Amino acid sequence: MSRVTFIAGENINKGDAIAIGSGYSIARKASANSSFYNSVIGFAAHGAAAGSAVLVSRDTVFTSLSGLTPGQTSYVSYASGSVVSSYDGWYNSIPITSSGTVYLTSVGRNLSSSGVSNQIEPAVAVDLDNIFVYFLLEDGSGYITTEDDGIISLER
């Protein structure tokens, strides 16, 4: 069982998807709406008030969620800390009036209605204003994909 303790940067509930920022010591709820807190490192093993210690489970399987569709991939929702159980759930979590950039971050594969295999993957930035996708890579570089008459070109 892999668990790590961080300081909660806000009130956190058990089962919230957690991202780390501010010098890698502050835990916040992950959100598809955040440029800094979009990549999940694990799930809150218990609730914690802002400023207190929170235990984050980085287990390969996290089983304290609910409403997941087995076999689907879960994603970080637009709502802070929430996980949606499919791509459609992620897309539908974005308010229709949204603009700017949102982040598509896979949490892992749903193994049951309450369990997900925690598989950390880089976020994909989606520009809602210009309809292009920017792939964020772990080394900080990225790629932009654009579509021209049905041909996808990859630019660096």
N, C-alpha and C. Protein backbone atom coordinates (compact mmCIF):
# COMPACT_ATOMS: atom_id res chain seq x y z
N MET A 1 0.84 -1.17 0.00
CA MET A 1 0.00 0.00 0.00
C MET A 1 0.89 1.24 0.00
N SER A 2 0.75 2.07 -1.02
CA SER A 2 1.56 3.28 -1.13
C SER A 2 0.74 4.50 -0.74
N ARG A 3 1.12 5.12 0.37
CA ARG A 3 0.44 6.32 0.84
C ARG A 3 1.47 7.37 1.20
N VAL A 4 1.15 8.62 0.87
CA VAL A 4 2.06 9.73 1.13
C VAL A 4 1.27 10.82 1.82
N THR A 5 1.90 11.50 2.79
CA THR A 5 1.23 12.58 3.51
C THR A 5 1.67 13.93 2.95
N PHE A 6 0.69 14.80 2.73
CA PHE A 6 0.92 16.16 2.25
C PHE A 6 0.13 17.12 3.13
N ILE A 7 0.37 18.40 2.99
CA ILE A 7 -0.44 19.43 3.65
C ILE A 7 -1.58 19.80 2.69
N ALA A 8 -2.81 19.82 3.21
CA ALA A 8 -3.97 20.17 2.39
C ALA A 8 -3.99 21.68 2.14
N GLY A 9 -4.06 22.07 0.89
CA GLY A 9 -4.12 23.48 0.53
C GLY A 9 -5.54 24.01 0.53
N GLU A 10 -6.50 23.14 0.76
CA GLU A 10 -7.92 23.49 0.84
C GLU A 10 -8.62 22.33 1.55
N ASN A 11 -9.89 22.48 1.90
CA ASN A 11 -10.62 21.38 2.52
C ASN A 11 -10.75 20.25 1.50
N ILE A 12 -10.41 19.05 1.93
CA ILE A 12 -10.40 17.88 1.06
C ILE A 12 -11.27 16.79 1.67
N ASN A 13 -12.03 16.11 0.81
CA ASN A 13 -12.89 15.01 1.25
C ASN A 13 -12.28 13.67 0.87
N LYS A 14 -12.62 12.63 1.62
CA LYS A 14 -12.16 11.29 1.30
C LYS A 14 -12.60 10.95 -0.13
N GLY A 15 -11.66 10.42 -0.92
CA GLY A 15 -11.96 10.03 -2.30
C GLY A 15 -11.72 11.11 -3.33
N ASP A 16 -11.44 12.35 -2.89
CA ASP A 16 -11.14 13.40 -3.86
C ASP A 16 -9.88 13.05 -4.64
N ALA A 17 -9.89 13.36 -5.94
CA ALA A 17 -8.69 13.22 -6.77
C ALA A 17 -7.74 14.35 -6.37
N ILE A 18 -6.48 14.01 -6.11
CA ILE A 18 -5.52 14.97 -5.56
C ILE A 18 -4.40 15.27 -6.56
N ALA A 19 -4.05 16.54 -6.65
CA ALA A 19 -2.91 17.02 -7.43
C ALA A 19 -2.01 17.78 -6.47
N ILE A 20 -0.74 17.89 -6.83
CA ILE A 20 0.25 18.54 -5.97
C ILE A 20 0.82 19.76 -6.68
N GLY A 21 1.04 20.81 -5.92
CA GLY A 21 1.64 22.01 -6.46
C GLY A 21 2.42 22.73 -5.38
N SER A 22 2.79 23.96 -5.63
CA SER A 22 3.50 24.81 -4.66
C SER A 22 4.70 24.11 -4.05
N GLY A 23 5.66 23.79 -4.88
CA GLY A 23 6.88 23.16 -4.36
C GLY A 23 6.68 21.70 -4.00
N TYR A 24 5.64 21.07 -4.57
CA TYR A 24 5.38 19.65 -4.39
C TYR A 24 5.09 19.26 -2.95
N SER A 25 4.52 20.16 -2.17
CA SER A 25 4.17 19.78 -0.80
C SER A 25 2.73 20.11 -0.45
N ILE A 26 2.01 20.83 -1.30
CA ILE A 26 0.65 21.23 -1.02
C ILE A 26 -0.32 20.42 -1.88
N ALA A 27 -1.26 19.73 -1.22
CA ALA A 27 -2.25 18.92 -1.92
C ALA A 27 -3.51 19.74 -2.17
N ARG A 28 -4.00 19.68 -3.39
CA ARG A 28 -5.25 20.34 -3.75
C ARG A 28 -6.10 19.36 -4.56
N LYS A 29 -7.39 19.66 -4.65
CA LYS A 29 -8.28 18.86 -5.47
C LYS A 29 -7.92 19.07 -6.94
N ALA A 30 -7.77 17.98 -7.66
CA ALA A 30 -7.48 18.07 -9.09
C ALA A 30 -8.70 18.60 -9.82
N SER A 31 -8.47 19.33 -10.92
CA SER A 31 -9.58 19.88 -11.69
C SER A 31 -9.17 20.01 -13.15
N ALA A 32 -10.11 19.69 -14.05
CA ALA A 32 -9.88 19.87 -15.48
C ALA A 32 -9.83 21.33 -15.85
N ASN A 33 -10.18 22.19 -14.91
CA ASN A 33 -10.21 23.64 -15.15
C ASN A 33 -8.95 24.33 -14.64
N SER A 34 -7.98 23.59 -14.14
CA SER A 34 -6.79 24.17 -13.53
C SER A 34 -5.53 23.87 -14.35
N SER A 35 -4.78 24.91 -14.68
CA SER A 35 -3.55 24.70 -15.43
C SER A 35 -2.45 24.11 -14.56
N PHE A 36 -2.59 24.24 -13.24
CA PHE A 36 -1.54 23.75 -12.35
C PHE A 36 -1.93 22.49 -11.59
N TYR A 37 -3.21 22.29 -11.34
CA TYR A 37 -3.67 21.14 -10.54
C TYR A 37 -4.53 20.19 -11.37
N ASN A 38 -4.05 19.80 -12.55
CA ASN A 38 -4.85 18.94 -13.42
C ASN A 38 -4.39 17.49 -13.43
N SER A 39 -3.20 17.20 -12.96
CA SER A 39 -2.70 15.82 -12.99
C SER A 39 -2.84 15.15 -11.63
N VAL A 40 -3.52 14.03 -11.62
CA VAL A 40 -3.80 13.31 -10.38
C VAL A 40 -2.59 12.50 -9.94
N ILE A 41 -2.26 12.61 -8.63
CA ILE A 41 -1.18 11.78 -8.09
C ILE A 41 -1.74 10.67 -7.20
N GLY A 42 -3.02 10.76 -6.88
CA GLY A 42 -3.66 9.76 -6.04
C GLY A 42 -5.00 10.27 -5.54
N PHE A 43 -5.54 9.58 -4.53
CA PHE A 43 -6.85 9.93 -3.97
C PHE A 43 -6.73 10.13 -2.47
N ALA A 44 -7.51 11.06 -1.93
CA ALA A 44 -7.49 11.32 -0.49
C ALA A 44 -8.00 10.10 0.26
N ALA A 45 -7.18 9.57 1.17
CA ALA A 45 -7.57 8.39 1.96
C ALA A 45 -8.53 8.77 3.08
N HIS A 46 -8.59 10.07 3.41
CA HIS A 46 -9.50 10.58 4.44
C HIS A 46 -9.71 12.07 4.17
N GLY A 47 -10.68 12.66 4.84
CA GLY A 47 -10.89 14.10 4.71
C GLY A 47 -9.85 14.87 5.51
N ALA A 48 -9.62 16.13 5.12
CA ALA A 48 -8.68 16.98 5.84
C ALA A 48 -9.05 18.43 5.63
N ALA A 49 -8.89 19.23 6.67
CA ALA A 49 -9.13 20.67 6.58
C ALA A 49 -7.89 21.34 5.99
N ALA A 50 -8.09 22.48 5.38
CA ALA A 50 -6.97 23.24 4.82
C ALA A 50 -5.92 23.48 5.90
N GLY A 51 -4.66 23.22 5.56
CA GLY A 51 -3.56 23.42 6.50
C GLY A 51 -3.20 22.21 7.33
N SER A 52 -4.03 21.17 7.29
CA SER A 52 -3.74 19.96 8.06
C SER A 52 -3.18 18.87 7.14
N ALA A 53 -2.73 17.80 7.73
CA ALA A 53 -2.14 16.70 6.96
C ALA A 53 -3.24 15.88 6.28
N VAL A 54 -2.97 15.47 5.04
CA VAL A 54 -3.88 14.60 4.33
C VAL A 54 -3.07 13.43 3.77
N LEU A 55 -3.60 12.24 3.95
CA LEU A 55 -2.96 11.03 3.47
C LEU A 55 -3.48 10.74 2.07
N VAL A 56 -2.57 10.63 1.10
CA VAL A 56 -2.95 10.40 -0.29
C VAL A 56 -2.56 8.97 -0.68
N SER A 57 -3.56 8.22 -1.12
CA SER A 57 -3.34 6.84 -1.55
C SER A 57 -2.90 6.83 -3.00
N ARG A 58 -1.74 6.23 -3.23
CA ARG A 58 -1.20 6.10 -4.59
C ARG A 58 -1.25 4.63 -5.02
N ASP A 59 -2.13 3.86 -4.37
CA ASP A 59 -2.25 2.44 -4.68
C ASP A 59 -2.58 2.23 -6.15
N THR A 60 -2.25 1.05 -6.63
CA THR A 60 -2.57 0.75 -8.01
C THR A 60 -4.08 0.60 -8.22
N VAL A 61 -4.83 0.29 -7.15
CA VAL A 61 -6.29 0.23 -7.23
C VAL A 61 -6.86 1.01 -6.05
N PHE A 62 -7.73 1.96 -6.35
CA PHE A 62 -8.40 2.74 -5.31
C PHE A 62 -9.87 2.38 -5.34
N THR A 63 -10.41 1.96 -4.20
CA THR A 63 -11.77 1.39 -4.18
C THR A 63 -12.77 2.17 -3.35
N SER A 64 -12.56 3.45 -3.12
CA SER A 64 -13.52 4.24 -2.33
C SER A 64 -14.30 5.24 -3.17
N LEU A 65 -14.48 4.94 -4.44
CA LEU A 65 -15.27 5.81 -5.31
C LEU A 65 -16.64 5.18 -5.52
N SER A 66 -17.50 5.83 -6.28
CA SER A 66 -18.81 5.23 -6.57
C SER A 66 -19.29 5.72 -7.94
N GLY A 67 -20.21 4.98 -8.52
CA GLY A 67 -20.82 5.36 -9.78
C GLY A 67 -19.96 5.17 -11.02
N LEU A 68 -18.90 4.39 -10.92
CA LEU A 68 -18.02 4.17 -12.06
C LEU A 68 -18.61 3.10 -12.99
N THR A 69 -18.31 3.21 -14.27
CA THR A 69 -18.74 2.22 -15.24
C THR A 69 -17.57 1.28 -15.51
N PRO A 70 -17.66 0.01 -15.09
CA PRO A 70 -16.55 -0.92 -15.31
C PRO A 70 -16.12 -0.98 -16.77
N GLY A 71 -14.81 -1.00 -16.99
CA GLY A 71 -14.25 -1.08 -18.33
C GLY A 71 -13.98 0.28 -18.98
N GLN A 72 -14.62 1.33 -18.49
CA GLN A 72 -14.39 2.67 -19.02
C GLN A 72 -13.16 3.29 -18.36
N THR A 73 -12.67 4.38 -18.93
CA THR A 73 -11.59 5.15 -18.32
C THR A 73 -12.20 6.33 -17.59
N SER A 74 -11.73 6.59 -16.37
CA SER A 74 -12.20 7.75 -15.61
C SER A 74 -11.28 8.93 -15.85
N TYR A 75 -11.85 10.13 -15.73
CA TYR A 75 -11.12 11.37 -15.97
C TYR A 75 -11.38 12.35 -14.83
N VAL A 76 -10.46 13.31 -14.67
CA VAL A 76 -10.66 14.40 -13.71
C VAL A 76 -11.76 15.28 -14.26
N SER A 77 -12.73 15.59 -13.43
CA SER A 77 -13.86 16.43 -13.82
C SER A 77 -13.49 17.91 -13.79
N TYR A 78 -14.33 18.72 -14.40
CA TYR A 78 -14.19 20.17 -14.34
C TYR A 78 -14.37 20.64 -12.90
N ALA A 79 -15.23 19.95 -12.16
CA ALA A 79 -15.46 20.27 -10.74
C ALA A 79 -14.29 19.77 -9.91
N SER A 80 -13.76 20.60 -9.05
CA SER A 80 -12.57 20.25 -8.25
C SER A 80 -12.75 18.96 -7.46
N GLY A 81 -11.78 18.06 -7.60
CA GLY A 81 -11.74 16.84 -6.82
C GLY A 81 -12.58 15.70 -7.35
N SER A 82 -13.48 15.99 -8.26
CA SER A 82 -14.39 14.97 -8.76
C SER A 82 -13.77 14.15 -9.88
N VAL A 83 -14.25 12.93 -9.98
CA VAL A 83 -13.84 12.03 -11.06
C VAL A 83 -15.10 11.63 -11.81
N VAL A 84 -15.03 11.64 -13.14
CA VAL A 84 -16.15 11.19 -13.95
C VAL A 84 -15.76 9.87 -14.60
N SER A 85 -16.75 9.02 -14.84
CA SER A 85 -16.44 7.64 -15.19
C SER A 85 -16.31 7.37 -16.68
N SER A 86 -16.26 8.41 -17.53
CA SER A 86 -16.08 8.20 -18.96
C SER A 86 -15.68 9.51 -19.63
N TYR A 87 -15.26 9.42 -20.89
CA TYR A 87 -14.94 10.63 -21.65
C TYR A 87 -16.17 11.51 -21.78
N ASP A 88 -17.33 10.90 -22.04
CA ASP A 88 -18.57 11.69 -22.15
C ASP A 88 -18.84 12.43 -20.85
N GLY A 89 -18.58 11.79 -19.72
CA GLY A 89 -18.76 12.45 -18.43
C GLY A 89 -17.84 13.65 -18.29
N TRP A 90 -16.58 13.52 -18.76
CA TRP A 90 -15.64 14.64 -18.72
C TRP A 90 -16.15 15.78 -19.58
N TYR A 91 -16.53 15.46 -20.82
CA TYR A 91 -17.00 16.48 -21.76
C TYR A 91 -18.23 17.20 -21.20
N ASN A 92 -19.17 16.43 -20.65
CA ASN A 92 -20.40 17.00 -20.11
C ASN A 92 -20.19 17.76 -18.81
N SER A 93 -19.03 17.58 -18.15
CA SER A 93 -18.77 18.31 -16.91
C SER A 93 -18.31 19.75 -17.17
N ILE A 94 -17.98 20.06 -18.42
CA ILE A 94 -17.51 21.40 -18.78
C ILE A 94 -18.73 22.29 -19.06
N PRO A 95 -18.89 23.40 -18.32
CA PRO A 95 -20.03 24.29 -18.57
C PRO A 95 -20.04 24.81 -20.01
N ILE A 96 -21.20 24.90 -20.60
CA ILE A 96 -21.31 25.30 -22.00
C ILE A 96 -20.76 26.70 -22.25
N THR A 97 -20.72 27.53 -21.24
CA THR A 97 -20.22 28.90 -21.40
C THR A 97 -18.72 29.01 -21.19
N SER A 98 -18.04 27.88 -20.99
CA SER A 98 -16.60 27.89 -20.73
C SER A 98 -15.81 28.33 -21.95
N SER A 99 -14.69 28.97 -21.68
CA SER A 99 -13.76 29.34 -22.74
C SER A 99 -12.36 29.13 -22.20
N GLY A 100 -11.37 29.31 -23.04
CA GLY A 100 -9.99 29.11 -22.58
C GLY A 100 -9.59 27.66 -22.69
N THR A 101 -8.75 27.23 -21.77
CA THR A 101 -8.18 25.89 -21.82
C THR A 101 -8.71 25.03 -20.69
N VAL A 102 -9.06 23.80 -21.02
CA VAL A 102 -9.42 22.79 -20.02
C VAL A 102 -8.46 21.61 -20.23
N TYR A 103 -8.42 20.70 -19.28
CA TYR A 103 -7.43 19.62 -19.31
C TYR A 103 -8.11 18.26 -19.22
N LEU A 104 -7.75 17.39 -20.15
CA LEU A 104 -8.24 16.02 -20.17
C LEU A 104 -7.17 15.16 -19.50
N THR A 105 -7.48 14.67 -18.30
CA THR A 105 -6.51 13.88 -17.54
C THR A 105 -7.13 12.55 -17.15
N SER A 106 -6.56 11.48 -17.66
CA SER A 106 -7.01 10.14 -17.32
C SER A 106 -6.59 9.79 -15.90
N VAL A 107 -7.53 9.25 -15.14
CA VAL A 107 -7.25 8.79 -13.78
C VAL A 107 -6.88 7.31 -13.79
N GLY A 108 -7.50 6.56 -14.72
CA GLY A 108 -7.23 5.13 -14.81
C GLY A 108 -8.44 4.38 -15.31
N ARG A 109 -8.30 3.07 -15.42
CA ARG A 109 -9.37 2.20 -15.90
C ARG A 109 -10.27 1.78 -14.74
N ASN A 110 -11.59 1.86 -14.96
CA ASN A 110 -12.56 1.45 -13.95
C ASN A 110 -12.61 -0.07 -13.88
N LEU A 111 -12.32 -0.60 -12.71
CA LEU A 111 -12.33 -2.05 -12.53
C LEU A 111 -13.67 -2.56 -12.01
N SER A 112 -14.40 -1.66 -11.34
CA SER A 112 -15.72 -1.98 -10.80
C SER A 112 -16.48 -0.67 -10.64
N SER A 113 -17.66 -0.70 -10.04
CA SER A 113 -18.43 0.54 -9.85
C SER A 113 -17.80 1.44 -8.79
N SER A 114 -16.85 0.91 -8.01
CA SER A 114 -16.22 1.72 -6.97
C SER A 114 -14.70 1.73 -7.03
N GLY A 115 -14.12 0.95 -7.97
CA GLY A 115 -12.66 0.83 -8.01
C GLY A 115 -12.06 1.24 -9.34
N VAL A 116 -10.96 1.99 -9.27
CA VAL A 116 -10.25 2.43 -10.46
C VAL A 116 -8.78 2.09 -10.29
N SER A 117 -8.15 1.64 -11.37
CA SER A 117 -6.71 1.41 -11.32
C SER A 117 -6.04 2.77 -11.53
N ASN A 118 -5.31 3.23 -10.55
CA ASN A 118 -4.69 4.55 -10.58
C ASN A 118 -3.50 4.52 -11.53
N GLN A 119 -3.68 5.08 -12.73
CA GLN A 119 -2.63 5.12 -13.75
C GLN A 119 -2.36 6.57 -14.10
N ILE A 120 -1.25 7.10 -13.60
CA ILE A 120 -0.93 8.51 -13.81
C ILE A 120 -0.49 8.73 -15.25
N GLU A 121 -1.14 9.68 -15.92
CA GLU A 121 -0.81 10.03 -17.29
C GLU A 121 -0.73 11.54 -17.42
N PRO A 122 0.06 12.05 -18.37
CA PRO A 122 0.13 13.49 -18.59
C PRO A 122 -1.23 14.05 -19.02
N ALA A 123 -1.49 15.30 -18.67
CA ALA A 123 -2.73 15.96 -19.08
C ALA A 123 -2.66 16.36 -20.55
N VAL A 124 -3.82 16.41 -21.19
CA VAL A 124 -3.93 16.93 -22.55
C VAL A 124 -4.71 18.23 -22.44
N ALA A 125 -4.10 19.34 -22.87
CA ALA A 125 -4.76 20.64 -22.83
C ALA A 125 -5.65 20.79 -24.06
N VAL A 126 -6.89 21.20 -23.83
CA VAL A 126 -7.85 21.40 -24.91
C VAL A 126 -8.25 22.87 -24.91
N ASP A 127 -7.93 23.58 -25.98
CA ASP A 127 -8.25 25.00 -26.11
C ASP A 127 -9.66 25.13 -26.65
N LEU A 128 -10.59 25.57 -25.82
CA LEU A 128 -11.99 25.65 -26.21
C LEU A 128 -12.24 26.80 -27.20
N ASP A 129 -11.34 27.77 -27.25
CA ASP A 129 -11.53 28.92 -28.13
C ASP A 129 -11.00 28.68 -29.54
N ASN A 130 -9.93 27.91 -29.67
CA ASN A 130 -9.29 27.73 -30.96
C ASN A 130 -9.35 26.31 -31.49
N ILE A 131 -9.95 25.42 -30.76
CA ILE A 131 -10.13 24.03 -31.15
C ILE A 131 -8.83 23.39 -31.64
N PHE A 132 -7.85 23.38 -30.80
CA PHE A 132 -6.66 22.59 -31.04
C PHE A 132 -6.28 21.91 -29.74
N VAL A 133 -5.50 20.88 -29.84
CA VAL A 133 -5.11 20.12 -28.67
C VAL A 133 -3.61 20.26 -28.48
N TYR A 134 -3.22 20.56 -27.27
CA TYR A 134 -1.81 20.72 -26.92
C TYR A 134 -1.43 19.59 -25.98
N PHE A 135 -0.53 18.72 -26.37
CA PHE A 135 -0.13 17.59 -25.55
C PHE A 135 0.99 18.01 -24.63
N LEU A 136 0.74 17.96 -23.33
CA LEU A 136 1.76 18.29 -22.35
C LEU A 136 2.58 17.05 -22.05
N LEU A 137 3.88 17.15 -22.22
CA LEU A 137 4.76 16.03 -21.95
C LEU A 137 5.45 16.22 -20.62
N GLU A 138 5.87 15.13 -20.00
CA GLU A 138 6.46 15.19 -18.67
C GLU A 138 7.70 16.06 -18.60
N ASP A 139 8.43 16.21 -19.70
CA ASP A 139 9.64 17.02 -19.68
C ASP A 139 9.35 18.51 -19.88
N GLY A 140 8.06 18.88 -19.96
CA GLY A 140 7.68 20.27 -20.09
C GLY A 140 7.51 20.73 -21.53
N SER A 141 7.91 19.91 -22.50
CA SER A 141 7.71 20.27 -23.90
C SER A 141 6.30 19.87 -24.32
N GLY A 142 5.93 20.20 -25.52
CA GLY A 142 4.60 19.83 -25.96
C GLY A 142 4.46 19.83 -27.46
N TYR A 143 3.32 19.35 -27.92
CA TYR A 143 2.99 19.31 -29.34
C TYR A 143 1.61 19.89 -29.54
N ILE A 144 1.42 20.56 -30.68
CA ILE A 144 0.10 21.07 -31.03
C ILE A 144 -0.37 20.30 -32.25
N THR A 145 -1.60 19.81 -32.19
CA THR A 145 -2.17 19.16 -33.37
C THR A 145 -3.18 20.11 -33.99
N THR A 146 -3.17 20.22 -35.30
CA THR A 146 -4.14 21.04 -36.02
C THR A 146 -4.70 20.21 -37.15
N GLU A 147 -5.87 20.58 -37.62
CA GLU A 147 -6.47 19.83 -38.71
C GLU A 147 -6.61 20.72 -39.93
N ASP A 148 -6.15 20.23 -41.09
CA ASP A 148 -6.19 20.97 -42.33
C ASP A 148 -6.74 20.06 -43.42
N ASP A 149 -7.99 20.27 -43.80
CA ASP A 149 -8.64 19.43 -44.83
C ASP A 149 -8.56 17.94 -44.51
N GLY A 150 -8.76 17.58 -43.25
CA GLY A 150 -8.76 16.19 -42.86
C GLY A 150 -7.39 15.60 -42.60
N ILE A 151 -6.33 16.37 -42.83
CA ILE A 151 -4.97 15.89 -42.58
C ILE A 151 -4.49 16.49 -41.27
N ILE A 152 -4.09 15.65 -40.35
CA ILE A 152 -3.59 16.10 -39.06
C ILE A 152 -2.09 16.35 -39.19
N SER A 153 -1.65 17.54 -38.83
CA SER A 153 -0.22 17.82 -38.86
C SER A 153 0.26 18.00 -37.42
N LEU A 154 1.44 17.54 -37.12
CA LEU A 154 2.00 17.63 -35.79
C LEU A 154 3.13 18.65 -35.83
N GLU A 155 3.00 19.68 -35.01
CA GLU A 155 4.00 20.73 -34.97
C GLU A 155 4.68 20.73 -33.62
N ARG A 156 5.93 21.08 -33.57
CA ARG A 156 6.65 21.15 -32.30
C ARG A 156 6.89 22.59 -31.95
